[in-house]
Amino acid sequence: MTPAQKSEAIEVLKAKFAQYDNFYITNTESLTVDQVSKLRRLCFEKNVEIKVAKNTLIRKALESFNDDKYAGLYESLHGVTALMFSDMPKEPAMILTSFRKTNKEKPVLKAALIGTDVFTGDNELVNLTKIKTKNELIGEVIGLLQSPAKRVLAALLHHHEQKEGAAVAEPAAAE
């Protein structure tokens, strides 16, 4: 790779890191060409960009930001590295989990950056699949806000039904 090509690759990576708040660093070293093609297809279907890059170029691109949030990722830059970029923080984790159903423990999660939080190690994959999306959180908040109102309405309805039931039962008892 010429110095110009390296500079261009670093610029492309910098643009991706600036564009996405969430990305995963995976090791795809033990995957066959067919498996990599399947993984790329899955990523494409879920709007996740996957990019294979040299670790030194990834490191230089991240270091150019002078941001401490990337510091925990540098030790993960070894072996064959594929980056997964997504607007949805848990989508790459879901893809990896789904992909592993037929490919055992491959690919291995090295690290992930979700917002400003760094997750390192393959053991974090389960936690990453449990991250709530913005829409899920909004739905939960709406549900929580509706819950007290629903309980009040249910109590009032139950109280009203009891009164009607008592009023109907009273004339029958008088006869």
C-alpha atoms as a PDB file:
ATOM      1  CA  MET A   1       0.000   0.000   0.000  1.00  0.00           C
ATOM      2  CA  THR A   2       1.454   3.349  -1.017  1.00  0.00           C
ATOM      3  CA  PRO A   3       1.525   6.303   1.411  1.00  0.00           C
ATOM      4  CA  ALA A   4      -1.199   7.982  -0.653  1.00  0.00           C
ATOM      5  CA  GLN A   5      -3.414   4.900  -0.430  1.00  0.00           C
ATOM      6  CA  LYS A   6      -2.827   4.717   3.321  1.00  0.00           C
ATOM      7  CA  SER A   7      -3.787   8.380   3.719  1.00  0.00           C
ATOM      8  CA  GLU A   8      -6.919   7.828   1.661  1.00  0.00           C
ATOM      9  CA  ALA A   9      -7.867   4.752   3.721  1.00  0.00           C
ATOM     10  CA  ILE A  10      -7.367   6.709   6.960  1.00  0.00           C
ATOM     11  CA  GLU A  11      -9.591   9.511   5.660  1.00  0.00           C
ATOM     12  CA  VAL A  12     -12.331   7.028   4.722  1.00  0.00           C
ATOM     13  CA  LEU A  13     -12.140   5.501   8.214  1.00  0.00           C
ATOM     14  CA  LYS A  14     -12.191   8.925   9.868  1.00  0.00           C
ATOM     15  CA  ALA A  15     -15.350   9.790   7.926  1.00  0.00           C
ATOM     16  CA  LYS A  16     -17.009   6.550   9.102  1.00  0.00           C
ATOM     17  CA  PHE A  17     -16.016   7.126  12.741  1.00  0.00           C
ATOM     18  CA  ALA A  18     -17.334  10.696  12.545  1.00  0.00           C
ATOM     19  CA  GLN A  19     -20.576   9.548  10.899  1.00  0.00           C
ATOM     20  CA  TYR A  20     -21.457   6.779  13.375  1.00  0.00           C
ATOM     21  CA  ASP A  21     -21.728   6.901  17.169  1.00  0.00           C
ATOM     22  CA  ASN A  22     -21.767   3.100  17.276  1.00  0.00           C
ATOM     23  CA  PHE A  23     -19.325   0.622  15.848  1.00  0.00           C
ATOM     24  CA  TYR A  24     -18.121  -2.887  16.568  1.00  0.00           C
ATOM     25  CA  ILE A  25     -14.634  -4.308  16.140  1.00  0.00           C
ATOM     26  CA  THR A  26     -14.675  -8.001  15.243  1.00  0.00           C
ATOM     27  CA  ASN A  27     -12.168 -10.685  14.347  1.00  0.00           C
ATOM     28  CA  THR A  28     -13.098 -12.395  11.097  1.00  0.00           C
ATOM     29  CA  GLU A  29      -9.802 -14.262  10.721  1.00  0.00           C
ATOM     30  CA  SER A  30     -11.218 -17.791  10.953  1.00  0.00           C
ATOM     31  CA  LEU A  31     -14.143 -17.201   8.582  1.00  0.00           C
ATOM     32  CA  THR A  32     -14.186 -18.708   5.108  1.00  0.00           C
ATOM     33  CA  VAL A  33     -14.826 -16.542   2.044  1.00  0.00           C
ATOM     34  CA  ASP A  34     -18.360 -17.976   1.885  1.00  0.00           C
ATOM     35  CA  GLN A  35     -18.991 -17.114   5.548  1.00  0.00           C
ATOM     36  CA  VAL A  36     -17.697 -13.563   5.069  1.00  0.00           C
ATOM     37  CA  SER A  37     -20.037 -13.171   2.083  1.00  0.00           C
ATOM     38  CA  LYS A  38     -22.989 -14.341   4.197  1.00  0.00           C
ATOM     39  CA  LEU A  39     -22.018 -11.948   6.992  1.00  0.00           C
ATOM     40  CA  ARG A  40     -21.783  -9.055   4.531  1.00  0.00           C
ATOM     41  CA  ARG A  41     -25.206  -9.958   3.115  1.00  0.00           C
ATOM     42  CA  LEU A  42     -26.737 -10.004   6.607  1.00  0.00           C
ATOM     43  CA  CYS A  43     -25.187  -6.620   7.360  1.00  0.00           C
ATOM     44  CA  PHE A  44     -26.465  -5.167   4.097  1.00  0.00           C
ATOM     45  CA  GLU A  45     -30.011  -6.383   4.849  1.00  0.00           C
ATOM     46  CA  LYS A  46     -29.914  -4.696   8.278  1.00  0.00           C
ATOM     47  CA  ASN A  47     -28.296  -1.414   7.118  1.00  0.00           C
ATOM     48  CA  VAL A  48     -25.034  -2.153   8.899  1.00  0.00           C
ATOM     49  CA  GLU A  49     -21.858  -1.187   7.068  1.00  0.00           C
ATOM     50  CA  ILE A  50     -18.982  -3.650   7.367  1.00  0.00           C
ATOM     51  CA  LYS A  51     -15.440  -2.675   6.490  1.00  0.00           C
ATOM     52  CA  VAL A  52     -12.206  -4.664   6.777  1.00  0.00           C
ATOM     53  CA  ALA A  53      -9.157  -2.518   7.497  1.00  0.00           C
ATOM     54  CA  LYS A  54      -5.611  -2.764   8.763  1.00  0.00           C
ATOM     55  CA  ASN A  55      -5.286  -2.239  12.492  1.00  0.00           C
ATOM     56  CA  THR A  56      -2.602   0.439  12.150  1.00  0.00           C
ATOM     57  CA  LEU A  57      -4.848   2.466   9.836  1.00  0.00           C
ATOM     58  CA  ILE A  58      -7.815   2.111  12.199  1.00  0.00           C
ATOM     59  CA  ARG A  59      -5.645   3.242  15.105  1.00  0.00           C
ATOM     60  CA  LYS A  60      -4.311   6.261  13.189  1.00  0.00           C
ATOM     61  CA  ALA A  61      -7.844   7.258  12.172  1.00  0.00           C
ATOM     62  CA  LEU A  62      -9.069   7.017  15.785  1.00  0.00           C
ATOM     63  CA  GLU A  63      -6.015   8.801  17.204  1.00  0.00           C
ATOM     64  CA  SER A  64      -6.578  11.704  14.804  1.00  0.00           C
ATOM     65  CA  PHE A  65      -9.705  12.625  16.801  1.00  0.00           C
ATOM     66  CA  ASN A  66      -7.699  13.179  20.014  1.00  0.00           C
ATOM     67  CA  ASP A  67     -10.652  11.786  21.957  1.00  0.00           C
ATOM     68  CA  ASP A  68     -10.190   9.720  25.113  1.00  0.00           C
ATOM     69  CA  LYS A  69     -13.353   7.692  24.414  1.00  0.00           C
ATOM     70  CA  TYR A  70     -11.385   5.648  21.867  1.00  0.00           C
ATOM     71  CA  ALA A  71      -8.510   4.779  24.245  1.00  0.00           C
ATOM     72  CA  GLY A  72     -10.136   1.535  25.426  1.00  0.00           C
ATOM     73  CA  LEU A  73     -10.358   0.257  21.862  1.00  0.00           C
ATOM     74  CA  TYR A  74      -6.681   0.288  20.922  1.00  0.00           C
ATOM     75  CA  GLU A  75      -5.822  -2.991  22.662  1.00  0.00           C
ATOM     76  CA  SER A  76      -8.479  -4.701  20.526  1.00  0.00           C
ATOM     77  CA  LEU A  77      -6.688  -3.830  17.307  1.00  0.00           C
ATOM     78  CA  HIS A  78      -4.867  -7.071  16.497  1.00  0.00           C
ATOM     79  CA  GLY A  79      -5.452  -9.932  14.091  1.00  0.00           C
ATOM     80  CA  VAL A  80      -7.839  -9.570  11.168  1.00  0.00           C
ATOM     81  CA  THR A  81     -10.287  -6.771  11.927  1.00  0.00           C
ATOM     82  CA  ALA A  82     -13.685  -6.003  10.490  1.00  0.00           C
ATOM     83  CA  LEU A  83     -15.549  -2.893  11.593  1.00  0.00           C
ATOM     84  CA  MET A  84     -19.343  -2.847  11.751  1.00  0.00           C
ATOM     85  CA  PHE A  85     -20.965   0.601  11.649  1.00  0.00           C
ATOM     86  CA  SER A  86     -24.610   1.187  12.519  1.00  0.00           C
ATOM     87  CA  ASP A  87     -27.017   3.904  13.638  1.00  0.00           C
ATOM     88  CA  MET A  88     -28.785   1.265  15.747  1.00  0.00           C
ATOM     89  CA  PRO A  89     -26.518   0.315  18.668  1.00  0.00           C
ATOM     90  CA  LYS A  90     -27.657  -3.276  19.067  1.00  0.00           C
ATOM     91  CA  GLU A  91     -28.108  -4.243  15.407  1.00  0.00           C
ATOM     92  CA  PRO A  92     -24.518  -5.491  14.885  1.00  0.00           C
ATOM     93  CA  ALA A  93     -24.815  -7.547  18.102  1.00  0.00           C
ATOM     94  CA  MET A  94     -28.029  -9.097  16.813  1.00  0.00           C
ATOM     95  CA  ILE A  95     -26.352  -9.885  13.485  1.00  0.00           C
ATOM     96  CA  LEU A  96     -23.363 -11.518  15.195  1.00  0.00           C
ATOM     97  CA  THR A  97     -25.631 -13.548  17.484  1.00  0.00           C
ATOM     98  CA  SER A  98     -27.774 -14.693  14.568  1.00  0.00           C
ATOM     99  CA  PHE A  99     -24.733 -15.490  12.440  1.00  0.00           C
ATOM    100  CA  ARG A 100     -23.216 -17.590  15.227  1.00  0.00           C
ATOM    101  CA  LYS A 101     -26.178 -19.958  15.274  1.00  0.00           C
ATOM    102  CA  THR A 102     -24.703 -21.668  12.219  1.00  0.00           C
ATOM    103  CA  ASN A 103     -21.042 -20.653  12.593  1.00  0.00           C
ATOM    104  CA  LYS A 104     -20.329 -21.469  16.248  1.00  0.00           C
ATOM    105  CA  GLU A 105     -18.377 -18.686  17.985  1.00  0.00           C
ATOM    106  CA  LYS A 106     -17.400 -16.807  14.842  1.00  0.00           C
ATOM    107  CA  PRO A 107     -16.783 -13.957  14.303  1.00  0.00           C
ATOM    108  CA  VAL A 108     -15.357 -12.941  17.657  1.00  0.00           C
ATOM    109  CA  LEU A 109     -16.320  -9.583  19.133  1.00  0.00           C
ATOM    110  CA  LYS A 110     -13.178  -7.713  20.137  1.00  0.00           C
ATOM    111  CA  ALA A 111     -14.800  -4.448  21.234  1.00  0.00           C
ATOM    112  CA  ALA A 112     -17.662  -2.071  20.611  1.00  0.00           C
ATOM    113  CA  LEU A 113     -18.221   1.639  21.052  1.00  0.00           C
ATOM    114  CA  ILE A 114     -21.810   2.605  21.804  1.00  0.00           C
ATOM    115  CA  GLY A 115     -22.049   6.365  22.171  1.00  0.00           C
ATOM    116  CA  THR A 116     -19.241   7.007  24.639  1.00  0.00           C
ATOM    117  CA  ASP A 117     -19.275   3.561  26.274  1.00  0.00           C
ATOM    118  CA  VAL A 118     -16.633   0.997  25.382  1.00  0.00           C
ATOM    119  CA  PHE A 119     -17.426  -2.716  25.630  1.00  0.00           C
ATOM    120  CA  THR A 120     -14.425  -5.032  25.330  1.00  0.00           C
ATOM    121  CA  GLY A 121     -14.348  -8.760  24.871  1.00  0.00           C
ATOM    122  CA  ASP A 122     -16.560 -11.366  23.294  1.00  0.00           C
ATOM    123  CA  ASN A 123     -18.367 -11.903  26.608  1.00  0.00           C
ATOM    124  CA  GLU A 124     -20.040  -8.474  26.159  1.00  0.00           C
ATOM    125  CA  LEU A 125     -22.029  -9.644  23.122  1.00  0.00           C
ATOM    126  CA  VAL A 126     -24.979 -10.784  25.260  1.00  0.00           C
ATOM    127  CA  ASN A 127     -25.119  -7.388  27.002  1.00  0.00           C
ATOM    128  CA  LEU A 128     -25.007  -5.577  23.674  1.00  0.00           C
ATOM    129  CA  THR A 129     -28.032  -7.516  22.390  1.00  0.00           C
ATOM    130  CA  LYS A 130     -30.014  -6.191  25.356  1.00  0.00           C
ATOM    131  CA  ILE A 131     -29.432  -2.516  24.600  1.00  0.00           C
ATOM    132  CA  LYS A 132     -32.732  -0.711  24.124  1.00  0.00           C
ATOM    133  CA  THR A 133     -33.258   1.328  20.989  1.00  0.00           C
ATOM    134  CA  LYS A 134     -34.605   4.860  21.159  1.00  0.00           C
ATOM    135  CA  ASN A 135     -38.065   3.698  20.018  1.00  0.00           C
ATOM    136  CA  GLU A 136     -38.110   0.901  22.618  1.00  0.00           C
ATOM    137  CA  LEU A 137     -37.256   3.387  25.376  1.00  0.00           C
ATOM    138  CA  ILE A 138     -39.930   5.827  24.193  1.00  0.00           C
ATOM    139  CA  GLY A 139     -42.464   2.997  24.160  1.00  0.00           C
ATOM    140  CA  GLU A 140     -41.537   2.020  27.720  1.00  0.00           C
ATOM    141  CA  VAL A 141     -41.856   5.615  28.943  1.00  0.00           C
ATOM    142  CA  ILE A 142     -45.258   5.976  27.271  1.00  0.00           C
ATOM    143  CA  GLY A 143     -46.337   2.673  28.822  1.00  0.00           C
ATOM    144  CA  LEU A 144     -45.191   3.847  32.249  1.00  0.00           C
ATOM    145  CA  LEU A 145     -47.008   7.135  31.844  1.00  0.00           C
ATOM    146  CA  GLN A 146     -50.200   5.387  30.727  1.00  0.00           C
ATOM    147  CA  SER A 147     -50.069   2.773  33.469  1.00  0.00           C
ATOM    148  CA  PRO A 148     -51.319   4.959  36.374  1.00  0.00           C
ATOM    149  CA  ALA A 149     -54.135   6.369  34.228  1.00  0.00           C
ATOM    150  CA  LYS A 150     -55.151   2.863  33.148  1.00  0.00           C
ATOM    151  CA  ARG A 151     -55.240   1.724  36.776  1.00  0.00           C
ATOM    152  CA  VAL A 152     -57.441   4.677  37.797  1.00  0.00           C
ATOM    153  CA  LEU A 153     -59.810   4.028  34.889  1.00  0.00           C
ATOM    154  CA  ALA A 154     -59.917   0.312  35.667  1.00  0.00           C
ATOM    155  CA  ALA A 155     -60.671   1.043  39.339  1.00  0.00           C
ATOM    156  CA  LEU A 156     -63.426   3.499  38.425  1.00  0.00           C
ATOM    157  CA  LEU A 157     -64.929   1.064  35.927  1.00  0.00           C
ATOM    158  CA  HIS A 158     -64.785  -1.761  38.463  1.00  0.00           C
ATOM    159  CA  HIS A 159     -66.395   0.468  41.110  1.00  0.00           C
ATOM    160  CA  HIS A 160     -69.102   1.517  38.613  1.00  0.00           C
ATOM    161  CA  GLU A 161     -69.783  -2.126  37.655  1.00  0.00           C
ATOM    162  CA  GLN A 162     -70.078  -3.090  41.324  1.00  0.00           C
ATOM    163  CA  LYS A 163     -72.638  -0.326  41.903  1.00  0.00           C
ATOM    164  CA  GLU A 164     -74.689  -1.453  38.887  1.00  0.00           C
ATOM    165  CA  GLY A 165     -74.456  -5.072  40.021  1.00  0.00           C
ATOM    166  CA  ALA A 166     -75.592  -4.124  43.523  1.00  0.00           C
ATOM    167  CA  ALA A 167     -78.481  -2.038  42.135  1.00  0.00           C
ATOM    168  CA  VAL A 168     -79.645  -4.961  39.976  1.00  0.00           C
ATOM    169  CA  ALA A 169     -79.287  -7.443  42.870  1.00  0.00           C
ATOM    170  CA  GLU A 170     -81.264  -5.279  45.348  1.00  0.00           C
ATOM    171  CA  PRO A 171     -84.620  -5.324  43.444  1.00  0.00           C
ATOM    172  CA  ALA A 172     -84.303  -9.063  42.944  1.00  0.00           C
ATOM    173  CA  ALA A 173     -83.815  -9.549  46.681  1.00  0.00           C
ATOM    174  CA  ALA A 174     -86.876  -7.376  47.436  1.00  0.00           C
ATOM    175  CA  GLU A 175     -89.174  -9.564  45.347  1.00  0.00           C
END
